[in-house]
């Protein structure tokens, strides 16, 4: 769970979670529905329906606020659920940006297609650097432009039609965040290695 985590009013989230639990909606159902919604958004964007694709992207990604909360409320939180959620989060972003790249290739806009590709690479690297650092025992949550910001920017740029400028911002800040995390992780790991060498 990442999108807008901790930013929605707690009473609102609690009320929605209670309804979802009462309806026997599982965290996996929420995660899967959010992913399928993002895939559908990607299909709409690939066909040039930017407004509807952007709106669906924000709605589908909004489910990310609730899957973890439902898991905790029902006592069904698991390592599999965390893995499943993280993987589908990455695939969701890629689906929408792939749809956008497909559309831009179709209208022979190489600049926008390249920027969409760069944004996908940046998005994956941001998550990979964190996952690799945590695999080495380093907690890494810092980041200039995390998934929440990327999803909101993508949705807004599609809805408003500010695609070229939005893609430049998305690509640059995503890649910058990946390198920022790499720098933070490298410094922390080198410092830990130095301390071990002094013992």
C-alpha atoms as a PDB file:
ATOM      1  CA  UNK A   1       0.000   0.000   0.000  1.00  0.00           C
ATOM      2  CA  UNK A   2       1.591   3.259  -1.115  1.00  0.00           C
ATOM      3  CA  UNK A   3      -0.702   5.684  -2.821  1.00  0.00           C
ATOM      4  CA  UNK A   4      -1.530   8.620  -0.563  1.00  0.00           C
ATOM      5  CA  UNK A   5      -0.781   6.436   2.413  1.00  0.00           C
ATOM      6  CA  UNK A   6      -1.349   8.348   5.607  1.00  0.00           C
ATOM      7  CA  UNK A   7      -2.756  11.383   3.793  1.00  0.00           C
ATOM      8  CA  UNK A   8      -6.451  10.552   3.723  1.00  0.00           C
ATOM      9  CA  UNK A   9      -8.391  11.350   6.923  1.00  0.00           C
ATOM     10  CA  UNK A  10      -8.182   8.379   9.286  1.00  0.00           C
ATOM     11  CA  UNK A  11     -11.944   8.378  10.084  1.00  0.00           C
ATOM     12  CA  UNK A  12     -12.694   8.151   6.349  1.00  0.00           C
ATOM     13  CA  UNK A  13     -10.342   5.230   5.834  1.00  0.00           C
ATOM     14  CA  UNK A  14     -11.686   3.493   8.946  1.00  0.00           C
ATOM     15  CA  UNK A  15     -15.277   3.865   7.767  1.00  0.00           C
ATOM     16  CA  UNK A  16     -14.483   2.544   4.289  1.00  0.00           C
ATOM     17  CA  UNK A  17     -12.503  -0.373   5.720  1.00  0.00           C
ATOM     18  CA  UNK A  18     -15.435  -1.353   7.926  1.00  0.00           C
ATOM     19  CA  UNK A  19     -17.724  -1.431   4.908  1.00  0.00           C
ATOM     20  CA  UNK A  20     -15.238  -3.474   2.891  1.00  0.00           C
ATOM     21  CA  UNK A  21     -14.781  -5.960   5.734  1.00  0.00           C
ATOM     22  CA  UNK A  22     -18.555  -6.277   6.133  1.00  0.00           C
ATOM     23  CA  UNK A  23     -18.838  -7.013   2.412  1.00  0.00           C
ATOM     24  CA  UNK A  24     -16.144  -9.689   2.788  1.00  0.00           C
ATOM     25  CA  UNK A  25     -13.815  -7.905   0.389  1.00  0.00           C
ATOM     26  CA  UNK A  26     -10.304  -9.311   0.767  1.00  0.00           C
ATOM     27  CA  UNK A  27      -7.006  -7.412   0.416  1.00  0.00           C
ATOM     28  CA  UNK A  28      -6.111  -9.570  -2.585  1.00  0.00           C
ATOM     29  CA  UNK A  29      -9.379  -8.624  -4.264  1.00  0.00           C
ATOM     30  CA  UNK A  30      -8.598  -4.936  -3.761  1.00  0.00           C
ATOM     31  CA  UNK A  31      -5.046  -5.278  -5.047  1.00  0.00           C
ATOM     32  CA  UNK A  32      -6.146  -7.263  -8.093  1.00  0.00           C
ATOM     33  CA  UNK A  33      -9.017  -4.895  -8.883  1.00  0.00           C
ATOM     34  CA  UNK A  34      -6.688  -1.917  -8.658  1.00  0.00           C
ATOM     35  CA  UNK A  35      -4.257  -3.586 -11.040  1.00  0.00           C
ATOM     36  CA  UNK A  36      -6.967  -4.502 -13.554  1.00  0.00           C
ATOM     37  CA  UNK A  37      -8.274  -0.948 -13.362  1.00  0.00           C
ATOM     38  CA  UNK A  38      -4.817   0.369 -14.206  1.00  0.00           C
ATOM     39  CA  UNK A  39      -4.527  -2.033 -17.124  1.00  0.00           C
ATOM     40  CA  UNK A  40      -7.880  -0.788 -18.402  1.00  0.00           C
ATOM     41  CA  UNK A  41      -6.627   2.776 -17.962  1.00  0.00           C
ATOM     42  CA  UNK A  42      -3.566   1.876 -20.024  1.00  0.00           C
ATOM     43  CA  UNK A  43      -5.795   0.528 -22.799  1.00  0.00           C
ATOM     44  CA  UNK A  44      -7.841   3.749 -22.805  1.00  0.00           C
ATOM     45  CA  UNK A  45      -4.700   5.870 -22.937  1.00  0.00           C
ATOM     46  CA  UNK A  46      -3.288   3.769 -25.781  1.00  0.00           C
ATOM     47  CA  UNK A  47      -6.429   4.614 -27.753  1.00  0.00           C
ATOM     48  CA  UNK A  48      -6.102   8.324 -27.040  1.00  0.00           C
ATOM     49  CA  UNK A  49      -8.787   8.602 -24.344  1.00  0.00           C
ATOM     50  CA  UNK A  50      -6.507  10.457 -21.954  1.00  0.00           C
ATOM     51  CA  UNK A  51      -9.173  12.015 -19.733  1.00  0.00           C
ATOM     52  CA  UNK A  52     -10.978   8.746 -19.048  1.00  0.00           C
ATOM     53  CA  UNK A  53      -7.713   6.857 -18.682  1.00  0.00           C
ATOM     54  CA  UNK A  54      -6.404   9.382 -16.167  1.00  0.00           C
ATOM     55  CA  UNK A  55      -9.616   9.336 -14.154  1.00  0.00           C
ATOM     56  CA  UNK A  56      -9.664   5.535 -14.059  1.00  0.00           C
ATOM     57  CA  UNK A  57      -5.985   5.498 -13.074  1.00  0.00           C
ATOM     58  CA  UNK A  58      -6.654   7.661 -10.021  1.00  0.00           C
ATOM     59  CA  UNK A  59      -9.719   5.646  -9.000  1.00  0.00           C
ATOM     60  CA  UNK A  60      -8.005   2.269  -9.407  1.00  0.00           C
ATOM     61  CA  UNK A  61      -4.833   3.403  -7.661  1.00  0.00           C
ATOM     62  CA  UNK A  62      -6.938   4.817  -4.829  1.00  0.00           C
ATOM     63  CA  UNK A  63      -7.736   1.240  -3.837  1.00  0.00           C
ATOM     64  CA  UNK A  64      -4.134   1.122  -2.646  1.00  0.00           C
ATOM     65  CA  UNK A  65      -5.198   3.064   0.430  1.00  0.00           C
ATOM     66  CA  UNK A  66      -7.327   0.195   1.630  1.00  0.00           C
ATOM     67  CA  UNK A  67      -5.758  -3.201   0.863  1.00  0.00           C
ATOM     68  CA  UNK A  68      -3.230  -3.021   3.686  1.00  0.00           C
ATOM     69  CA  UNK A  69      -5.778  -1.552   6.100  1.00  0.00           C
ATOM     70  CA  UNK A  70      -8.241  -4.353   5.321  1.00  0.00           C
ATOM     71  CA  UNK A  71      -5.491  -6.935   5.786  1.00  0.00           C
ATOM     72  CA  UNK A  72      -4.675  -5.563   9.234  1.00  0.00           C
ATOM     73  CA  UNK A  73      -8.337  -5.245  10.207  1.00  0.00           C
ATOM     74  CA  UNK A  74      -9.045  -8.868   9.293  1.00  0.00           C
ATOM     75  CA  UNK A  75      -5.763 -10.291  10.568  1.00  0.00           C
ATOM     76  CA  UNK A  76      -4.858 -11.545   7.105  1.00  0.00           C
ATOM     77  CA  UNK A  77      -1.671  -9.529   6.564  1.00  0.00           C
ATOM     78  CA  UNK A  78       1.023 -11.771   5.109  1.00  0.00           C
ATOM     79  CA  UNK A  79       4.387 -11.667   3.394  1.00  0.00           C
ATOM     80  CA  UNK A  80       2.735 -12.972   0.242  1.00  0.00           C
ATOM     81  CA  UNK A  81       0.262 -10.094   0.339  1.00  0.00           C
ATOM     82  CA  UNK A  82       3.066  -7.569   0.674  1.00  0.00           C
ATOM     83  CA  UNK A  83       4.933  -9.121  -2.248  1.00  0.00           C
ATOM     84  CA  UNK A  84       1.796  -9.370  -4.390  1.00  0.00           C
ATOM     85  CA  UNK A  85       0.899  -5.741  -3.691  1.00  0.00           C
ATOM     86  CA  UNK A  86       4.388  -4.470  -4.510  1.00  0.00           C
ATOM     87  CA  UNK A  87       4.636  -6.391  -7.772  1.00  0.00           C
ATOM     88  CA  UNK A  88       1.211  -5.291  -9.002  1.00  0.00           C
ATOM     89  CA  UNK A  89       2.001  -1.690  -8.044  1.00  0.00           C
ATOM     90  CA  UNK A  90       4.973  -1.770 -10.418  1.00  0.00           C
ATOM     91  CA  UNK A  91       2.962  -3.473 -13.151  1.00  0.00           C
ATOM     92  CA  UNK A  92       0.150  -0.947 -12.759  1.00  0.00           C
ATOM     93  CA  UNK A  93       2.453   2.005 -13.370  1.00  0.00           C
ATOM     94  CA  UNK A  94       4.079   0.260 -16.299  1.00  0.00           C
ATOM     95  CA  UNK A  95       0.698  -0.584 -17.883  1.00  0.00           C
ATOM     96  CA  UNK A  96      -0.419   3.049 -18.020  1.00  0.00           C
ATOM     97  CA  UNK A  97       2.915   4.400 -19.217  1.00  0.00           C
ATOM     98  CA  UNK A  98       3.189   1.610 -21.792  1.00  0.00           C
ATOM     99  CA  UNK A  99      -0.239   2.605 -23.096  1.00  0.00           C
ATOM    100  CA  UNK A 100       0.936   6.196 -23.338  1.00  0.00           C
ATOM    101  CA  UNK A 101       4.145   5.182 -25.141  1.00  0.00           C
ATOM    102  CA  UNK A 102       2.106   3.034 -27.546  1.00  0.00           C
ATOM    103  CA  UNK A 103      -0.130   5.970 -28.408  1.00  0.00           C
ATOM    104  CA  UNK A 104       2.820   8.307 -28.918  1.00  0.00           C
ATOM    105  CA  UNK A 105       4.584   5.808 -31.170  1.00  0.00           C
ATOM    106  CA  UNK A 106       1.390   5.539 -33.190  1.00  0.00           C
ATOM    107  CA  UNK A 107       1.304   9.288 -33.834  1.00  0.00           C
ATOM    108  CA  UNK A 108       5.075   9.329 -34.414  1.00  0.00           C
ATOM    109  CA  UNK A 109       5.867  11.428 -31.352  1.00  0.00           C
ATOM    110  CA  UNK A 110       9.250   9.939 -30.540  1.00  0.00           C
ATOM    111  CA  UNK A 111      10.042  12.462 -27.814  1.00  0.00           C
ATOM    112  CA  UNK A 112       6.963  11.616 -25.729  1.00  0.00           C
ATOM    113  CA  UNK A 113       7.419   7.869 -26.303  1.00  0.00           C
ATOM    114  CA  UNK A 114      11.024   8.081 -25.112  1.00  0.00           C
ATOM    115  CA  UNK A 115       9.992  10.084 -22.054  1.00  0.00           C
ATOM    116  CA  UNK A 116       7.317   7.509 -21.175  1.00  0.00           C
ATOM    117  CA  UNK A 117       9.957   4.775 -21.432  1.00  0.00           C
ATOM    118  CA  UNK A 118      12.345   6.783 -19.234  1.00  0.00           C
ATOM    119  CA  UNK A 119       9.562   7.262 -16.682  1.00  0.00           C
ATOM    120  CA  UNK A 120       8.944   3.502 -16.563  1.00  0.00           C
ATOM    121  CA  UNK A 121      12.660   2.823 -16.072  1.00  0.00           C
ATOM    122  CA  UNK A 122      12.869   5.458 -13.355  1.00  0.00           C
ATOM    123  CA  UNK A 123       9.813   4.075 -11.578  1.00  0.00           C
ATOM    124  CA  UNK A 124      11.207   0.541 -11.558  1.00  0.00           C
ATOM    125  CA  UNK A 125      14.630   1.708 -10.411  1.00  0.00           C
ATOM    126  CA  UNK A 126      13.170   3.691  -7.513  1.00  0.00           C
ATOM    127  CA  UNK A 127      11.548   0.510  -6.207  1.00  0.00           C
ATOM    128  CA  UNK A 128      14.483  -1.748  -7.061  1.00  0.00           C
ATOM    129  CA  UNK A 129      17.046   0.352  -5.214  1.00  0.00           C
ATOM    130  CA  UNK A 130      14.852   0.317  -2.114  1.00  0.00           C
ATOM    131  CA  UNK A 131      14.248  -3.443  -2.347  1.00  0.00           C
ATOM    132  CA  UNK A 132      17.952  -4.180  -2.880  1.00  0.00           C
ATOM    133  CA  UNK A 133      18.985  -1.912  -0.011  1.00  0.00           C
ATOM    134  CA  UNK A 134      16.473  -3.532   2.330  1.00  0.00           C
ATOM    135  CA  UNK A 135      17.777  -6.932   1.231  1.00  0.00           C
ATOM    136  CA  UNK A 136      21.165  -5.758   2.513  1.00  0.00           C
ATOM    137  CA  UNK A 137      19.628  -4.808   5.848  1.00  0.00           C
ATOM    138  CA  UNK A 138      19.202  -1.078   5.208  1.00  0.00           C
ATOM    139  CA  UNK A 139      15.840   0.612   5.688  1.00  0.00           C
ATOM    140  CA  UNK A 140      15.314   3.049   2.823  1.00  0.00           C
ATOM    141  CA  UNK A 141      12.098   5.060   2.609  1.00  0.00           C
ATOM    142  CA  UNK A 142      13.486   8.461   1.625  1.00  0.00           C
ATOM    143  CA  UNK A 143      12.756   9.687  -1.857  1.00  0.00           C
ATOM    144  CA  UNK A 144      12.005  12.903  -3.691  1.00  0.00           C
ATOM    145  CA  UNK A 145       9.317  11.471  -5.964  1.00  0.00           C
ATOM    146  CA  UNK A 146       7.746   8.224  -4.738  1.00  0.00           C
ATOM    147  CA  UNK A 147       4.854   6.247  -6.204  1.00  0.00           C
ATOM    148  CA  UNK A 148       2.191   8.453  -4.663  1.00  0.00           C
ATOM    149  CA  UNK A 149       3.519  11.539  -6.411  1.00  0.00           C
ATOM    150  CA  UNK A 150       4.133   9.675  -9.679  1.00  0.00           C
ATOM    151  CA  UNK A 151       0.594   8.306  -9.833  1.00  0.00           C
ATOM    152  CA  UNK A 152      -1.007  11.651  -9.008  1.00  0.00           C
ATOM    153  CA  UNK A 153       1.112  13.470 -11.588  1.00  0.00           C
ATOM    154  CA  UNK A 154       0.336  10.857 -14.244  1.00  0.00           C
ATOM    155  CA  UNK A 155      -3.388  11.058 -13.570  1.00  0.00           C
ATOM    156  CA  UNK A 156      -3.446  14.852 -13.525  1.00  0.00           C
ATOM    157  CA  UNK A 157      -1.400  15.238 -16.713  1.00  0.00           C
ATOM    158  CA  UNK A 158      -3.710  12.837 -18.554  1.00  0.00           C
ATOM    159  CA  UNK A 159      -6.888  14.514 -17.316  1.00  0.00           C
ATOM    160  CA  UNK A 160      -5.660  18.030 -18.067  1.00  0.00           C
ATOM    161  CA  UNK A 161      -3.923  17.168 -21.336  1.00  0.00           C
ATOM    162  CA  UNK A 162      -0.589  18.534 -20.076  1.00  0.00           C
ATOM    163  CA  UNK A 163       1.145  15.399 -21.329  1.00  0.00           C
ATOM    164  CA  UNK A 164       4.418  16.634 -22.822  1.00  0.00           C
ATOM    165  CA  UNK A 165       5.357  18.762 -19.812  1.00  0.00           C
ATOM    166  CA  UNK A 166       4.100  16.129 -17.392  1.00  0.00           C
ATOM    167  CA  UNK A 167       6.206  13.438 -19.021  1.00  0.00           C
ATOM    168  CA  UNK A 168       9.334  15.567 -18.761  1.00  0.00           C
ATOM    169  CA  UNK A 169       8.706  16.134 -15.057  1.00  0.00           C
ATOM    170  CA  UNK A 170       7.815  12.485 -14.476  1.00  0.00           C
ATOM    171  CA  UNK A 171      10.866  11.124 -16.279  1.00  0.00           C
ATOM    172  CA  UNK A 172      13.366  13.534 -14.724  1.00  0.00           C
ATOM    173  CA  UNK A 173      12.089  13.278 -11.156  1.00  0.00           C
ATOM    174  CA  UNK A 174      11.672   9.490 -11.287  1.00  0.00           C
ATOM    175  CA  UNK A 175      15.244   8.979 -12.462  1.00  0.00           C
ATOM    176  CA  UNK A 176      16.498  11.624 -10.011  1.00  0.00           C
ATOM    177  CA  UNK A 177      14.760   9.799  -7.157  1.00  0.00           C
ATOM    178  CA  UNK A 178      16.358   6.506  -8.181  1.00  0.00           C
ATOM    179  CA  UNK A 179      19.816   8.100  -8.110  1.00  0.00           C
ATOM    180  CA  UNK A 180      18.976   9.893  -4.852  1.00  0.00           C
ATOM    181  CA  UNK A 181      18.105   6.593  -3.197  1.00  0.00           C
ATOM    182  CA  UNK A 182      21.213   4.973  -4.641  1.00  0.00           C
ATOM    183  CA  UNK A 183      23.357   7.789  -3.199  1.00  0.00           C
ATOM    184  CA  UNK A 184      21.700   7.547   0.224  1.00  0.00           C
ATOM    185  CA  UNK A 185      22.023   3.766   0.286  1.00  0.00           C
ATOM    186  CA  UNK A 186      25.628   3.820  -0.909  1.00  0.00           C
ATOM    187  CA  UNK A 187      26.679   6.283   1.775  1.00  0.00           C
ATOM    188  CA  UNK A 188      24.901   4.336   4.517  1.00  0.00           C
ATOM    189  CA  UNK A 189      26.316   0.979   3.427  1.00  0.00           C
ATOM    190  CA  UNK A 190      29.854   2.325   3.060  1.00  0.00           C
ATOM    191  CA  UNK A 191      29.576   3.873   6.512  1.00  0.00           C
ATOM    192  CA  UNK A 192      28.425   0.552   7.980  1.00  0.00           C
ATOM    193  CA  UNK A 193      31.328  -1.231   6.283  1.00  0.00           C
ATOM    194  CA  UNK A 194      33.780   1.308   7.719  1.00  0.00           C
ATOM    195  CA  UNK A 195      32.405   0.785  11.219  1.00  0.00           C
ATOM    196  CA  UNK A 196      32.718  -2.982  10.839  1.00  0.00           C
ATOM    197  CA  UNK A 197      36.303  -2.570   9.666  1.00  0.00           C
ATOM    198  CA  UNK A 198      37.158  -0.533  12.779  1.00  0.00           C
ATOM    199  CA  UNK A 199      35.973  -3.227  15.159  1.00  0.00           C
END
